[in-house]
Amino acid sequence: MTYLVIGGSASGKSTFAESIVSRLPGPRYYIATMEPWDAECRARIEKHRRQRAHLGFETVEHYGDLQSLTLPERGTVLLECMGNLTANVLFGSQKVDDPFPAVRRGLESLIGQCEHLVVVTNDVFSDGRTYDDSTTAYLNLLAALNRHMAARFDHVFEVVCGIPLCRKGELL
């Protein structure tokens, strides 16, 4: 089964995604996509590791090419988060020429390796702001990936103020 969890910044989407994973069989893999660029990123990564320590995850640091990732065995995967991965393949160390098909192929590869995949992603364009060209390109790519996942995945949840709203599938 596949689950997409979407929400705004600090909406509670990660906590909800972890609650989904906690109900699914193991082994459990946490694919961490935030690159540790500086002390602030490293501190945030360490904070998140402490917060999920009790959930029994094996953390896999993987910042881009999901097709190159091989899981040790089938299980439940939490990909956190599509926003970071998208930035990495568009601007960062994992930059690719054609990011949409690369990420799409990577997701399919990951789906083929696990029993359950839970992906956390950011809601975009709901703030009504105008951005520079590079930020707009990032937002457009993430929006396209979100639409692709929403169409492809079995369950879609939107988290608003810590409240999960089921948009597709059923609430667990």
Foldseek 3Di string as FASTA:
>chain_A
DEEEEEEAPPLQRVVVLLVVQLVWWDDEEEEEAADCPDPVSVVVVVVVCVVCVVSNYDYDHDHEQLLVDADPAAGEYEYPAPLRHLCCCPPNPNDDDDRLVRVVVSVVNVVVGYPYYYYYYYDPDPVVDDDDPSVVVSRVSRVVVVVVCVVVGQWYWYGGNNDTDTPHHDDD
